[in-house]
Amino acid sequence: MSQVQIHLNDRQQYILRCTVRHYIATAEPVGSKVLAEEYNLNVSPATIRSCLGYLEKAGLLYQPHTSAGRVPSDSGYRIYVDQLITPSETLSRRMENLLRDRLNFEDWSLEALLRDAAQLLATLSGYITLITLPQSNTSRLRHLQLITVDSQRVMLIVVTDALETKSTLMELPKTPEGEDLDTELLERTLQILSNFLNSKLRDRPLSDLSKLDWGELDREFQIYAEWLRAMITDWTRRFKTPAATRLVVSGVSEVLRQPEFSELNQVQTLMQLLEEEQEQLCPLIFENPEPENSGKRVNVRIGSENPIDTIRTCTLISSPYRRGGVPVGSVGVLGPTRMRYENAIAMVEAAADYISEALS
């Protein structure tokens, strides 16, 4: 997200950093007395109050009550994330080591690997972890097989380069005489068709299948041409599973311990989003950091920067994972804006790097 354009001198930056960190640690509004007693500011309480007043006028802090201390606003968190912190390299290395020690991507189901990674990230971060499965339009066909179900139906089984398996049932076309094909002949024919399609389609991106030149099919398969076209078109549509079923979620119980989620109504709306409205979340999680040339590896949406009302009091941090240099999915954590950003950013980056390594 774009930076908030507010100029702060060194003292104002330091006091903002101390205020945000203290609020993250305690969930209590921060006053000048606390800052003077607990941080080595080397300035008078009057100077601290003056700085806090300036930061409040700039919209970076606010007072929840007239007599209370200050609390960071979304803009204050944005300055903090963009200008005042560095993600923890130590924690990032620890996260990578834990993933390597506890997960084995050489003997894995992709979804099981992502679920284990999500659970570990949720446990370590204390926030909800959201990991999208690889997006279908970036996957490539690894193998397909046509298998006889009965005299009228066959099953198409497809394996992608991400080791995802999909299947669909298809009705067989009628023969010119309207009779059922002999079972043994049907099995041989399907094997020939499977070999033919594998030779034509292997390693092709799934998104290219709808653009095939069907005139290239051999004449011996003309009886099946329209059926094959309908079958693969239908399979391509089925493969694009709704986003709501392609999101791994973990750590809900972890984040619900935070005081921000003490109200039952807020918990219910969050649970509804995670369980029934995931299609709203997936585009946000699978969004590349911007701008592309900034060198940033994570996307941080703070509070009101989120377009979904339910999470406008939350922060969503995400980073894409890649296969062959191409983003195919994303790792994210969702928690209150009162988040340990240095730690969360480092852990999300480490998890994305690990999954990218596993996929390659």
Protein backbone atom coordinates (compact mmCIF):
# COMPACT_ATOMS: atom_id res chain seq x y z
CA MET A 1 0.00 0.00 0.00
CA SER A 2 1.12 3.59 -0.58
CA GLN A 3 2.94 5.44 2.16
CA VAL A 4 1.30 8.20 4.17
CA GLN A 5 3.02 11.44 3.14
CA ILE A 6 3.68 13.13 6.50
CA HIS A 7 7.06 14.56 7.44
CA LEU A 8 8.27 13.71 10.94
CA ASN A 9 11.54 14.74 12.53
CA ASP A 10 13.71 12.18 14.35
CA ARG A 11 12.16 12.84 17.76
CA GLN A 12 8.60 12.58 16.45
CA GLN A 13 9.47 9.34 14.65
CA TYR A 14 10.98 7.88 17.82
CA ILE A 15 8.02 8.84 20.00
CA LEU A 16 5.60 7.42 17.41
CA ARG A 17 7.61 4.18 17.33
CA CYS A 18 7.60 3.93 21.14
CA THR A 19 3.87 4.69 21.31
CA VAL A 20 2.96 2.05 18.71
CA ARG A 21 5.20 -0.59 20.28
CA HIS A 22 3.83 0.06 23.77
CA TYR A 23 0.24 -0.13 22.57
CA ILE A 24 0.95 -3.35 20.65
CA ALA A 25 2.43 -4.88 23.82
CA THR A 26 -0.26 -3.74 26.28
CA ALA A 27 -3.46 -2.91 24.33
CA GLU A 28 -3.71 0.14 26.65
CA PRO A 29 -3.75 3.81 25.51
CA VAL A 30 -0.28 5.36 25.90
CA GLY A 31 0.31 8.59 27.83
CA SER A 32 3.33 10.89 28.18
CA LYS A 33 4.04 9.64 31.72
CA VAL A 34 4.40 6.02 30.55
CA LEU A 35 6.70 7.06 27.70
CA ALA A 36 8.86 9.17 30.04
CA GLU A 37 9.16 6.37 32.62
CA GLU A 38 9.68 3.34 30.37
CA TYR A 39 11.63 4.69 27.38
CA ASN A 40 14.96 6.48 27.29
CA LEU A 41 13.66 9.63 25.58
CA ASN A 42 15.98 12.14 27.32
CA VAL A 43 13.38 14.91 26.98
CA SER A 44 10.96 16.55 29.39
CA PRO A 45 7.35 15.35 29.83
CA ALA A 46 6.23 18.67 28.31
CA THR A 47 8.22 17.93 25.14
CA ILE A 48 6.69 14.44 24.98
CA ARG A 49 3.18 15.90 25.34
CA SER A 50 3.95 18.39 22.58
CA CYS A 51 5.09 15.60 20.24
CA LEU A 52 2.05 13.51 21.05
CA GLY A 53 -0.16 16.50 20.32
CA TYR A 54 1.53 17.00 16.93
CA LEU A 55 1.16 13.30 16.06
CA GLU A 56 -2.53 13.46 16.99
CA LYS A 57 -3.12 16.54 14.82
CA ALA A 58 -1.34 14.75 11.97
CA GLY A 59 -3.86 11.92 12.28
CA LEU A 60 -1.31 9.32 13.39
CA LEU A 61 -2.64 8.98 16.96
CA TYR A 62 -6.02 9.54 18.58
CA GLN A 63 -7.56 9.58 22.05
CA PRO A 64 -10.37 7.02 22.58
CA HIS A 65 -11.51 9.14 25.56
CA THR A 66 -10.73 12.74 26.54
CA SER A 67 -8.70 11.78 29.62
CA ALA A 68 -7.07 8.71 28.08
CA GLY A 69 -3.68 8.32 26.47
CA ARG A 70 -3.17 7.94 22.73
CA VAL A 71 -3.80 4.98 20.44
CA PRO A 72 -2.28 4.53 16.94
CA SER A 73 -4.59 5.20 14.00
CA ASP A 74 -4.43 3.24 10.76
CA SER A 75 -2.26 6.04 9.33
CA GLY A 76 0.03 5.78 12.35
CA TYR A 77 0.44 2.05 11.80
CA ARG A 78 1.12 2.74 8.12
CA ILE A 79 4.00 5.13 8.95
CA TYR A 80 5.26 2.59 11.47
CA VAL A 81 5.26 -0.27 8.94
CA ASP A 82 6.65 1.72 5.99
CA GLN A 83 9.29 3.83 7.73
CA LEU A 84 10.05 2.80 11.30
CA ILE A 85 10.60 -0.98 11.39
CA THR A 86 12.73 -3.69 9.80
CA PRO A 87 11.38 -7.26 9.64
CA SER A 88 13.20 -9.57 12.04
CA GLU A 89 15.85 -11.55 10.14
CA THR A 90 16.42 -13.75 13.18
CA LEU A 91 12.76 -14.71 13.32
CA SER A 92 12.66 -15.25 9.56
CA ARG A 93 15.56 -17.72 9.76
CA ARG A 94 13.92 -19.45 12.74
CA MET A 95 10.68 -19.80 10.79
CA GLU A 96 12.48 -21.26 7.76
CA ASN A 97 14.35 -23.75 9.98
CA LEU A 98 11.16 -24.84 11.74
CA LEU A 99 9.39 -25.38 8.43
CA ARG A 100 12.27 -27.50 7.14
CA ASP A 101 12.51 -29.48 10.38
CA ARG A 102 8.79 -30.18 10.80
CA LEU A 103 7.60 -30.45 7.19
CA ASN A 104 8.85 -32.77 4.50
CA PHE A 105 7.97 -31.65 1.00
CA GLU A 106 9.68 -34.64 -0.63
CA ASP A 107 6.87 -36.95 0.52
CA TRP A 108 3.74 -34.85 0.50
CA SER A 109 0.30 -34.04 -0.65
CA LEU A 110 0.30 -30.37 -1.64
CA GLU A 111 -2.79 -29.53 0.40
CA ALA A 112 -1.41 -31.40 3.44
CA LEU A 113 1.85 -29.45 3.15
CA LEU A 114 0.00 -26.12 3.01
CA ARG A 115 -2.22 -27.07 5.96
CA ASP A 116 0.80 -28.03 8.07
CA ALA A 117 2.57 -24.79 7.11
CA ALA A 118 -0.56 -22.78 7.96
CA GLN A 119 -0.91 -24.43 11.35
CA LEU A 120 2.75 -23.80 12.22
CA LEU A 121 2.58 -20.16 11.08
CA ALA A 122 -0.63 -19.58 13.06
CA THR A 123 0.88 -21.08 16.21
CA LEU A 124 4.05 -18.99 15.99
CA SER A 125 2.41 -15.71 14.97
CA GLY A 126 -0.73 -15.92 17.09
CA TYR A 127 -2.81 -14.76 14.14
CA ILE A 128 -5.14 -16.39 11.62
CA THR A 129 -3.15 -17.87 8.74
CA LEU A 130 -4.62 -17.95 5.23
CA ILE A 131 -2.86 -19.79 2.39
CA THR A 132 -4.35 -20.02 -1.09
CA LEU A 133 -3.86 -23.18 -3.11
CA PRO A 134 -2.03 -22.71 -6.43
CA GLN A 135 -4.22 -20.91 -8.94
CA SER A 136 -5.48 -23.16 -11.73
CA ASN A 137 -4.65 -20.81 -14.58
CA THR A 138 -0.92 -21.01 -13.79
CA SER A 139 -0.82 -24.82 -13.53
CA ARG A 140 0.38 -27.11 -16.30
CA LEU A 141 -0.95 -30.48 -17.35
CA ARG A 142 1.26 -33.32 -16.15
CA HIS A 143 -0.84 -36.35 -17.07
CA LEU A 144 -4.40 -37.34 -17.96
CA GLN A 145 -6.16 -40.68 -18.15
CA LEU A 146 -9.55 -41.77 -19.48
CA ILE A 147 -11.03 -44.71 -17.54
CA THR A 148 -14.16 -46.76 -18.25
CA VAL A 149 -16.92 -46.42 -15.65
CA ASP A 150 -19.66 -48.29 -17.53
CA SER A 151 -20.90 -48.66 -21.09
CA GLN A 152 -22.20 -45.08 -21.15
CA ARG A 153 -19.70 -43.12 -19.05
CA VAL A 154 -15.97 -42.54 -18.67
CA MET A 155 -13.96 -40.69 -16.04
CA LEU A 156 -11.31 -38.15 -16.93
CA ILE A 157 -8.53 -37.94 -14.33
CA VAL A 158 -6.06 -35.06 -14.62
CA VAL A 159 -2.85 -34.47 -12.67
CA THR A 160 -1.17 -31.04 -12.75
CA ASP A 161 2.47 -30.13 -12.23
CA ALA A 162 1.51 -29.06 -8.69
CA LEU A 163 0.41 -32.69 -8.07
CA GLU A 164 -3.24 -31.70 -7.82
CA THR A 165 -5.64 -34.37 -9.06
CA LYS A 166 -9.03 -33.60 -10.55
CA SER A 167 -11.63 -35.91 -12.05
CA THR A 168 -14.91 -35.58 -13.87
CA LEU A 169 -17.50 -37.99 -15.30
CA MET A 170 -18.49 -37.65 -18.96
CA GLU A 171 -21.19 -39.30 -21.06
CA LEU A 172 -19.88 -41.22 -24.07
CA PRO A 173 -20.98 -40.14 -27.55
CA LYS A 174 -23.33 -42.44 -29.36
CA THR A 175 -21.94 -44.58 -32.18
CA PRO A 176 -23.41 -44.03 -35.67
CA GLU A 177 -25.51 -47.18 -35.14
CA GLY A 178 -26.65 -45.99 -31.69
CA GLU A 179 -25.23 -49.08 -29.99
CA ASP A 180 -23.00 -49.28 -26.92
CA LEU A 181 -19.31 -49.86 -27.60
CA ASP A 182 -17.83 -53.22 -26.69
CA THR A 183 -16.19 -52.86 -23.24
CA GLU A 184 -12.82 -54.26 -24.32
CA LEU A 185 -12.82 -52.10 -27.46
CA LEU A 186 -13.84 -49.08 -25.38
CA GLU A 187 -10.94 -49.57 -22.96
CA ARG A 188 -8.43 -49.87 -25.81
CA THR A 189 -9.90 -46.80 -27.48
CA LEU A 190 -9.74 -44.77 -24.29
CA GLN A 191 -6.11 -45.76 -23.77
CA ILE A 192 -5.31 -44.63 -27.32
CA LEU A 193 -7.18 -41.38 -26.69
CA SER A 194 -5.35 -40.90 -23.39
CA ASN A 195 -1.97 -41.39 -25.07
CA PHE A 196 -2.98 -39.08 -27.90
CA LEU A 197 -4.13 -36.31 -25.55
CA ASN A 198 -1.05 -36.65 -23.35
CA SER A 199 1.20 -36.27 -26.37
CA LYS A 200 -0.72 -33.15 -27.45
CA LEU A 201 -1.35 -31.48 -24.09
CA ARG A 202 1.42 -32.47 -21.65
CA ASP A 203 3.21 -29.44 -20.12
CA ARG A 204 0.64 -27.06 -21.62
CA PRO A 205 -0.75 -24.39 -19.25
CA LEU A 206 -4.33 -25.19 -18.31
CA SER A 207 -5.34 -21.72 -19.43
CA ASP A 208 -4.27 -22.67 -22.99
CA LEU A 209 -6.61 -25.64 -23.28
CA SER A 210 -9.56 -23.51 -24.33
CA LYS A 211 -7.45 -22.08 -27.17
CA LEU A 212 -6.46 -25.37 -28.82
CA ASP A 213 -6.60 -25.69 -32.59
CA TRP A 214 -8.94 -28.64 -32.91
CA GLY A 215 -8.16 -28.94 -36.62
CA GLU A 216 -4.88 -30.56 -35.59
CA LEU A 217 -6.60 -33.64 -34.19
CA ASP A 218 -6.06 -36.75 -36.30
CA ARG A 219 -8.92 -37.81 -38.58
CA GLU A 220 -9.23 -41.15 -36.78
CA PHE A 221 -10.54 -39.22 -33.76
CA GLN A 222 -13.10 -37.13 -35.63
CA ILE A 223 -15.93 -39.16 -34.13
CA TYR A 224 -14.73 -37.93 -30.74
CA ALA A 225 -13.78 -34.38 -31.70
CA GLU A 226 -16.92 -32.64 -30.48
CA TRP A 227 -17.06 -34.85 -27.40
CA LEU A 228 -13.41 -34.11 -26.58
CA ARG A 229 -14.02 -30.39 -27.03
CA ALA A 230 -17.02 -30.47 -24.69
CA MET A 231 -15.22 -32.72 -22.22
CA ILE A 232 -12.12 -30.54 -21.87
CA THR A 233 -14.13 -27.32 -21.87
CA ASP A 234 -16.29 -28.72 -19.08
CA TRP A 235 -13.25 -30.00 -17.20
CA THR A 236 -11.51 -26.61 -17.49
CA ARG A 237 -14.61 -24.97 -16.00
CA ARG A 238 -14.80 -27.53 -13.20
CA PHE A 239 -11.10 -27.18 -12.41
CA LYS A 240 -11.55 -23.50 -11.58
CA THR A 241 -12.96 -24.34 -8.18
CA PRO A 242 -14.62 -21.41 -6.39
CA ALA A 243 -12.13 -19.48 -4.29
CA ALA A 244 -14.04 -20.35 -1.12
CA THR A 245 -12.88 -23.96 -1.38
CA ARG A 246 -9.28 -23.14 -2.21
CA LEU A 247 -8.19 -21.44 0.98
CA VAL A 248 -6.38 -23.10 3.88
CA VAL A 249 -7.32 -21.44 7.20
CA SER A 250 -5.68 -22.02 10.57
CA GLY A 251 -5.27 -20.23 13.90
CA VAL A 252 -8.76 -18.85 14.53
CA SER A 253 -8.59 -19.85 18.19
CA GLU A 254 -5.22 -18.11 18.50
CA VAL A 255 -6.43 -14.71 17.35
CA LEU A 256 -9.70 -14.85 19.28
CA ARG A 257 -7.69 -14.56 22.50
CA GLN A 258 -6.89 -10.96 21.57
CA PRO A 259 -8.96 -8.29 23.40
CA GLU A 260 -10.07 -6.78 20.08
CA PHE A 261 -12.28 -9.87 19.56
CA SER A 262 -14.01 -9.83 22.96
CA GLU A 263 -17.42 -8.97 21.49
CA LEU A 264 -19.51 -11.93 20.33
CA ASN A 265 -20.98 -10.07 17.35
CA GLN A 266 -17.53 -9.27 15.97
CA VAL A 267 -16.43 -12.89 16.36
CA GLN A 268 -19.57 -14.12 14.56
CA THR A 269 -19.06 -11.85 11.56
CA LEU A 270 -15.39 -12.83 11.32
CA MET A 271 -16.26 -16.53 11.47
CA GLN A 272 -18.91 -16.06 8.77
CA LEU A 273 -16.30 -14.42 6.52
CA LEU A 274 -13.80 -17.23 7.06
CA GLU A 275 -16.32 -20.06 6.69
CA GLU A 276 -18.89 -18.84 4.17
CA GLU A 277 -17.50 -15.82 2.31
CA GLN A 278 -13.93 -16.83 1.49
CA GLU A 279 -14.38 -15.70 -2.11
CA GLN A 280 -14.06 -12.13 -0.81
CA LEU A 281 -10.76 -12.86 0.93
CA CYS A 282 -8.88 -14.74 -1.80
CA PRO A 283 -8.34 -11.76 -4.16
CA LEU A 284 -6.91 -9.74 -1.25
CA ILE A 285 -4.53 -12.49 -0.14
CA PHE A 286 -3.42 -13.29 -3.69
CA GLU A 287 -2.54 -9.67 -4.44
CA ASN A 288 1.07 -8.89 -5.28
CA PRO A 289 2.85 -6.17 -3.29
CA GLU A 290 2.65 -2.80 -4.99
CA PRO A 291 4.22 -1.05 -6.69
CA GLU A 292 5.93 -3.94 -8.50
CA ASN A 293 9.26 -2.13 -8.78
CA SER A 294 9.39 -1.23 -5.09
CA GLY A 295 11.24 -4.41 -4.16
CA LYS A 296 8.67 -5.17 -1.45
CA ARG A 297 7.84 -8.82 -0.94
CA VAL A 298 4.77 -8.41 1.23
CA ASN A 299 1.45 -6.64 0.95
CA VAL A 300 0.23 -5.03 4.19
CA ARG A 301 -3.38 -3.87 4.42
CA ILE A 302 -4.04 -2.01 7.67
CA GLY A 303 -7.53 -1.42 9.07
CA SER A 304 -9.54 0.85 6.79
CA GLU A 305 -7.26 -0.04 3.85
CA ASN A 306 -9.16 -3.35 3.71
CA PRO A 307 -12.20 -3.18 1.38
CA ILE A 308 -14.13 -5.79 3.42
CA ASP A 309 -16.08 -4.24 6.30
CA THR A 310 -15.62 -7.28 8.55
CA ILE A 311 -11.83 -6.86 8.69
CA ARG A 312 -11.58 -3.07 8.79
CA THR A 313 -10.30 -3.38 12.37
CA CYS A 314 -7.71 -5.94 11.28
CA THR A 315 -4.43 -6.08 9.40
CA LEU A 316 -3.89 -8.54 6.54
CA ILE A 317 -0.26 -9.32 5.65
CA SER A 318 0.38 -11.50 2.59
CA SER A 319 3.22 -12.57 0.33
CA PRO A 320 3.02 -14.64 -2.88
CA TYR A 321 4.67 -18.02 -3.26
CA ARG A 322 5.97 -18.98 -6.67
CA ARG A 323 6.60 -21.85 -9.03
CA GLY A 324 9.16 -21.22 -11.74
CA GLY A 325 9.27 -17.54 -10.80
CA VAL A 326 5.51 -17.14 -11.40
CA PRO A 327 3.20 -16.29 -8.45
CA VAL A 328 0.75 -19.19 -8.05
CA GLY A 329 -0.56 -18.68 -4.51
CA SER A 330 -0.11 -16.59 -1.41
CA VAL A 331 0.55 -16.85 2.32
CA GLY A 332 -1.21 -14.45 4.67
CA VAL A 333 -1.87 -13.71 8.33
CA LEU A 334 -4.92 -11.87 9.61
CA GLY A 335 -4.96 -10.26 13.04
CA PRO A 336 -5.81 -7.03 14.87
CA THR A 337 -4.12 -3.82 13.73
CA ARG A 338 -2.36 -4.00 17.09
CA MET A 339 0.02 -6.52 15.53
CA ARG A 340 3.72 -7.30 15.99
CA TYR A 341 4.47 -6.26 12.44
CA GLU A 342 8.21 -6.98 12.43
CA ASN A 343 7.55 -10.58 13.45
CA ALA A 344 4.47 -11.17 11.30
CA ILE A 345 6.11 -9.82 8.13
CA ALA A 346 9.24 -11.93 8.69
CA MET A 347 7.23 -15.11 9.27
CA VAL A 348 5.01 -14.60 6.23
CA GLU A 349 8.06 -14.03 4.02
CA ALA A 350 9.75 -17.16 5.38
CA ALA A 351 6.66 -19.33 4.86
CA ALA A 352 6.23 -18.06 1.27
CA ASP A 353 9.89 -18.79 0.53
CA TYR A 354 9.59 -22.31 1.92
CA ILE A 355 6.48 -23.15 -0.12
CA SER A 356 8.13 -21.70 -3.26
CA GLU A 357 11.11 -24.00 -2.65
CA ALA A 358 8.79 -26.98 -2.15
CA LEU A 359 6.94 -26.33 -5.40
CA SER A 360 10.13 -25.97 -7.43
